[in-house]
């Protein structure tokens, strides 16, 4: 079994990775950080990965995420998922598929809006938390 952490380089995903490692240690489970890097410059700009003036190179962001995970959680495995389309629904599907492939027992997700009664249509988190095949730990604060 595995503790899977969704990682996108945000402060909340860094906090999720820290908590995922703590949970993995407590449960004696392997931790796998999964990053979904779409081939879509608009999405990258919306996420604050690049400015309008900067060229978005997906492979550079994949490498950056892998390096960050290695620095933050040296014992965690890193898994990269790529997509052509960057719609949050597709990113969430990719995360759910990864959780299934990894036989994840727990998914740790950093999100300031997942699981609320009223949720945005474009939330990645709500789609990921809706699966009944794994437990979900939602990290809402970076402290």
C-alpha atoms as a PDB file:
ATOM      1  CA  UNK A   1       0.000   0.000   0.000  1.00  0.00           C
ATOM      2  CA  UNK A   2       1.020   3.588  -0.588  1.00  0.00           C
ATOM      3  CA  UNK A   3       0.467   7.121   0.626  1.00  0.00           C
ATOM      4  CA  UNK A   4       0.100   9.255  -2.489  1.00  0.00           C
ATOM      5  CA  UNK A   5       0.639  13.009  -2.350  1.00  0.00           C
ATOM      6  CA  UNK A   6      -0.517  15.328  -5.141  1.00  0.00           C
ATOM      7  CA  UNK A   7       2.345  17.775  -5.717  1.00  0.00           C
ATOM      8  CA  UNK A   8       2.236  20.940  -7.831  1.00  0.00           C
ATOM      9  CA  UNK A   9       4.906  23.064  -6.165  1.00  0.00           C
ATOM     10  CA  UNK A  10       2.414  25.234  -4.278  1.00  0.00           C
ATOM     11  CA  UNK A  11       2.784  25.993  -0.583  1.00  0.00           C
ATOM     12  CA  UNK A  12      -0.176  23.730   0.170  1.00  0.00           C
ATOM     13  CA  UNK A  13       1.303  20.846  -1.811  1.00  0.00           C
ATOM     14  CA  UNK A  14       4.592  21.264   0.081  1.00  0.00           C
ATOM     15  CA  UNK A  15       2.634  21.071   3.348  1.00  0.00           C
ATOM     16  CA  UNK A  16       0.766  18.041   1.986  1.00  0.00           C
ATOM     17  CA  UNK A  17       4.077  16.354   1.185  1.00  0.00           C
ATOM     18  CA  UNK A  18       5.365  16.957   4.722  1.00  0.00           C
ATOM     19  CA  UNK A  19       2.161  15.540   6.198  1.00  0.00           C
ATOM     20  CA  UNK A  20       2.179  12.656   3.752  1.00  0.00           C
ATOM     21  CA  UNK A  21       5.676  11.709   4.867  1.00  0.00           C
ATOM     22  CA  UNK A  22       4.586  11.867   8.515  1.00  0.00           C
ATOM     23  CA  UNK A  23       1.598   9.677   7.725  1.00  0.00           C
ATOM     24  CA  UNK A  24       3.691   7.247   5.690  1.00  0.00           C
ATOM     25  CA  UNK A  25       6.202   6.944   8.530  1.00  0.00           C
ATOM     26  CA  UNK A  26       3.423   6.347  11.061  1.00  0.00           C
ATOM     27  CA  UNK A  27       1.753   3.704   8.897  1.00  0.00           C
ATOM     28  CA  UNK A  28       4.953   2.147   7.594  1.00  0.00           C
ATOM     29  CA  UNK A  29       3.864   2.951   4.039  1.00  0.00           C
ATOM     30  CA  UNK A  30       5.784   4.133   1.002  1.00  0.00           C
ATOM     31  CA  UNK A  31       5.144   7.763  -0.009  1.00  0.00           C
ATOM     32  CA  UNK A  32       4.785   8.668  -3.682  1.00  0.00           C
ATOM     33  CA  UNK A  33       4.518  12.300  -4.769  1.00  0.00           C
ATOM     34  CA  UNK A  34       2.623  12.638  -8.039  1.00  0.00           C
ATOM     35  CA  UNK A  35       2.879  15.722 -10.223  1.00  0.00           C
ATOM     36  CA  UNK A  36       0.686  16.302 -13.236  1.00  0.00           C
ATOM     37  CA  UNK A  37       2.406  18.609 -15.710  1.00  0.00           C
ATOM     38  CA  UNK A  38       0.168  19.567 -18.616  1.00  0.00           C
ATOM     39  CA  UNK A  39       1.447  20.817 -21.945  1.00  0.00           C
ATOM     40  CA  UNK A  40      -0.544  24.038 -21.665  1.00  0.00           C
ATOM     41  CA  UNK A  41       1.067  27.444 -21.185  1.00  0.00           C
ATOM     42  CA  UNK A  42      -2.230  29.088 -20.189  1.00  0.00           C
ATOM     43  CA  UNK A  43      -2.609  26.665 -17.285  1.00  0.00           C
ATOM     44  CA  UNK A  44       1.002  27.274 -16.243  1.00  0.00           C
ATOM     45  CA  UNK A  45       0.380  31.019 -16.204  1.00  0.00           C
ATOM     46  CA  UNK A  46      -2.854  30.623 -14.228  1.00  0.00           C
ATOM     47  CA  UNK A  47      -0.991  28.525 -11.657  1.00  0.00           C
ATOM     48  CA  UNK A  48       1.735  31.163 -11.387  1.00  0.00           C
ATOM     49  CA  UNK A  49       4.400  28.815 -12.681  1.00  0.00           C
ATOM     50  CA  UNK A  50       5.457  31.293 -15.377  1.00  0.00           C
ATOM     51  CA  UNK A  51       4.753  34.909 -16.216  1.00  0.00           C
ATOM     52  CA  UNK A  52       3.323  36.086 -19.524  1.00  0.00           C
ATOM     53  CA  UNK A  53       6.793  36.980 -20.726  1.00  0.00           C
ATOM     54  CA  UNK A  54       8.336  33.641 -19.823  1.00  0.00           C
ATOM     55  CA  UNK A  55       8.192  30.607 -22.078  1.00  0.00           C
ATOM     56  CA  UNK A  56       6.594  27.564 -20.468  1.00  0.00           C
ATOM     57  CA  UNK A  57       8.639  24.416 -20.942  1.00  0.00           C
ATOM     58  CA  UNK A  58       6.800  21.473 -19.337  1.00  0.00           C
ATOM     59  CA  UNK A  59       9.918  19.305 -19.014  1.00  0.00           C
ATOM     60  CA  UNK A  60      11.627  22.031 -16.963  1.00  0.00           C
ATOM     61  CA  UNK A  61       8.683  22.095 -14.561  1.00  0.00           C
ATOM     62  CA  UNK A  62       8.673  18.309 -14.305  1.00  0.00           C
ATOM     63  CA  UNK A  63      12.357  18.409 -13.402  1.00  0.00           C
ATOM     64  CA  UNK A  64      11.759  21.229 -10.938  1.00  0.00           C
ATOM     65  CA  UNK A  65       8.998  19.291  -9.163  1.00  0.00           C
ATOM     66  CA  UNK A  66      11.155  16.155  -9.021  1.00  0.00           C
ATOM     67  CA  UNK A  67      14.005  18.155  -7.481  1.00  0.00           C
ATOM     68  CA  UNK A  68      11.722  19.819  -4.937  1.00  0.00           C
ATOM     69  CA  UNK A  69      10.263  16.466  -3.877  1.00  0.00           C
ATOM     70  CA  UNK A  70      13.778  15.023  -3.526  1.00  0.00           C
ATOM     71  CA  UNK A  71      14.804  17.961  -1.322  1.00  0.00           C
ATOM     72  CA  UNK A  72      11.643  17.986   0.812  1.00  0.00           C
ATOM     73  CA  UNK A  73      11.185  14.229   1.132  1.00  0.00           C
ATOM     74  CA  UNK A  74      14.326  12.299   0.157  1.00  0.00           C
ATOM     75  CA  UNK A  75      12.731   8.916   0.855  1.00  0.00           C
ATOM     76  CA  UNK A  76       9.619   9.621  -1.212  1.00  0.00           C
ATOM     77  CA  UNK A  77       9.279   8.367  -4.751  1.00  0.00           C
ATOM     78  CA  UNK A  78       8.429  10.887  -7.470  1.00  0.00           C
ATOM     79  CA  UNK A  79       6.005  10.073 -10.269  1.00  0.00           C
ATOM     80  CA  UNK A  80       5.342  12.355 -13.214  1.00  0.00           C
ATOM     81  CA  UNK A  81       2.105  12.366 -15.172  1.00  0.00           C
ATOM     82  CA  UNK A  82       1.754  14.443 -18.328  1.00  0.00           C
ATOM     83  CA  UNK A  83      -1.314  15.707 -20.149  1.00  0.00           C
ATOM     84  CA  UNK A  84      -2.093  17.579 -23.316  1.00  0.00           C
ATOM     85  CA  UNK A  85      -5.217  19.155 -21.853  1.00  0.00           C
ATOM     86  CA  UNK A  86      -5.011  21.148 -18.638  1.00  0.00           C
ATOM     87  CA  UNK A  87      -8.623  21.217 -17.560  1.00  0.00           C
ATOM     88  CA  UNK A  88      -8.828  20.612 -13.791  1.00  0.00           C
ATOM     89  CA  UNK A  89     -11.187  17.683 -14.415  1.00  0.00           C
ATOM     90  CA  UNK A  90      -8.525  15.971 -16.560  1.00  0.00           C
ATOM     91  CA  UNK A  91      -5.800  16.646 -14.009  1.00  0.00           C
ATOM     92  CA  UNK A  92      -8.001  15.174 -11.296  1.00  0.00           C
ATOM     93  CA  UNK A  93      -8.701  12.092 -13.428  1.00  0.00           C
ATOM     94  CA  UNK A  94      -4.960  11.626 -13.897  1.00  0.00           C
ATOM     95  CA  UNK A  95      -4.422  11.858 -10.123  1.00  0.00           C
ATOM     96  CA  UNK A  96      -7.216   9.359  -9.467  1.00  0.00           C
ATOM     97  CA  UNK A  97      -5.729   6.984 -12.043  1.00  0.00           C
ATOM     98  CA  UNK A  98      -2.322   7.299 -10.384  1.00  0.00           C
ATOM     99  CA  UNK A  99      -3.870   6.564  -6.973  1.00  0.00           C
ATOM    100  CA  UNK A 100      -5.495   3.461  -8.415  1.00  0.00           C
ATOM    101  CA  UNK A 101      -2.288   2.321 -10.171  1.00  0.00           C
ATOM    102  CA  UNK A 102      -0.280   2.820  -6.969  1.00  0.00           C
ATOM    103  CA  UNK A 103      -2.875   0.984  -4.879  1.00  0.00           C
ATOM    104  CA  UNK A 104      -2.928   4.063  -2.649  1.00  0.00           C
ATOM    105  CA  UNK A 105      -4.396   3.582   0.780  1.00  0.00           C
ATOM    106  CA  UNK A 106      -4.386   7.324   1.436  1.00  0.00           C
ATOM    107  CA  UNK A 107      -4.234  10.345  -0.868  1.00  0.00           C
ATOM    108  CA  UNK A 108      -2.907  13.565   0.642  1.00  0.00           C
ATOM    109  CA  UNK A 109      -4.051  16.680  -1.145  1.00  0.00           C
ATOM    110  CA  UNK A 110      -3.229  20.313  -0.431  1.00  0.00           C
ATOM    111  CA  UNK A 111      -6.302  22.362  -1.249  1.00  0.00           C
ATOM    112  CA  UNK A 112      -8.000  25.435   0.111  1.00  0.00           C
ATOM    113  CA  UNK A 113     -11.349  24.446  -1.390  1.00  0.00           C
ATOM    114  CA  UNK A 114     -11.615  20.641  -1.756  1.00  0.00           C
ATOM    115  CA  UNK A 115     -14.397  18.972   0.133  1.00  0.00           C
ATOM    116  CA  UNK A 116     -16.429  22.051   0.936  1.00  0.00           C
ATOM    117  CA  UNK A 117     -20.197  22.002   0.626  1.00  0.00           C
ATOM    118  CA  UNK A 118     -20.053  24.592  -2.137  1.00  0.00           C
ATOM    119  CA  UNK A 119     -17.140  23.991  -4.443  1.00  0.00           C
ATOM    120  CA  UNK A 120     -15.914  25.594  -7.627  1.00  0.00           C
ATOM    121  CA  UNK A 121     -16.610  23.810 -10.879  1.00  0.00           C
ATOM    122  CA  UNK A 122     -12.915  23.904 -11.745  1.00  0.00           C
ATOM    123  CA  UNK A 123     -11.651  22.250  -8.560  1.00  0.00           C
ATOM    124  CA  UNK A 124      -9.136  19.442  -9.014  1.00  0.00           C
ATOM    125  CA  UNK A 125      -9.533  18.490  -5.381  1.00  0.00           C
ATOM    126  CA  UNK A 126     -13.252  17.735  -5.418  1.00  0.00           C
ATOM    127  CA  UNK A 127     -12.863  15.163  -8.169  1.00  0.00           C
ATOM    128  CA  UNK A 128      -9.934  13.487  -6.416  1.00  0.00           C
ATOM    129  CA  UNK A 129     -11.741  13.294  -3.053  1.00  0.00           C
ATOM    130  CA  UNK A 130     -14.856  11.762  -4.579  1.00  0.00           C
ATOM    131  CA  UNK A 131     -13.286   8.325  -5.099  1.00  0.00           C
ATOM    132  CA  UNK A 132     -14.271   5.718  -2.524  1.00  0.00           C
ATOM    133  CA  UNK A 133     -11.229   3.475  -3.160  1.00  0.00           C
ATOM    134  CA  UNK A 134      -8.865   5.428  -0.881  1.00  0.00           C
ATOM    135  CA  UNK A 135      -8.995   7.663   2.168  1.00  0.00           C
ATOM    136  CA  UNK A 136      -8.266  11.335   1.667  1.00  0.00           C
ATOM    137  CA  UNK A 137      -6.311  13.686   3.875  1.00  0.00           C
ATOM    138  CA  UNK A 138      -6.918  17.313   2.906  1.00  0.00           C
ATOM    139  CA  UNK A 139      -4.280  19.838   3.938  1.00  0.00           C
ATOM    140  CA  UNK A 140      -5.760  23.326   4.160  1.00  0.00           C
ATOM    141  CA  UNK A 141      -2.983  25.180   5.962  1.00  0.00           C
ATOM    142  CA  UNK A 142       0.722  25.442   5.345  1.00  0.00           C
ATOM    143  CA  UNK A 143       1.659  25.513   9.040  1.00  0.00           C
END
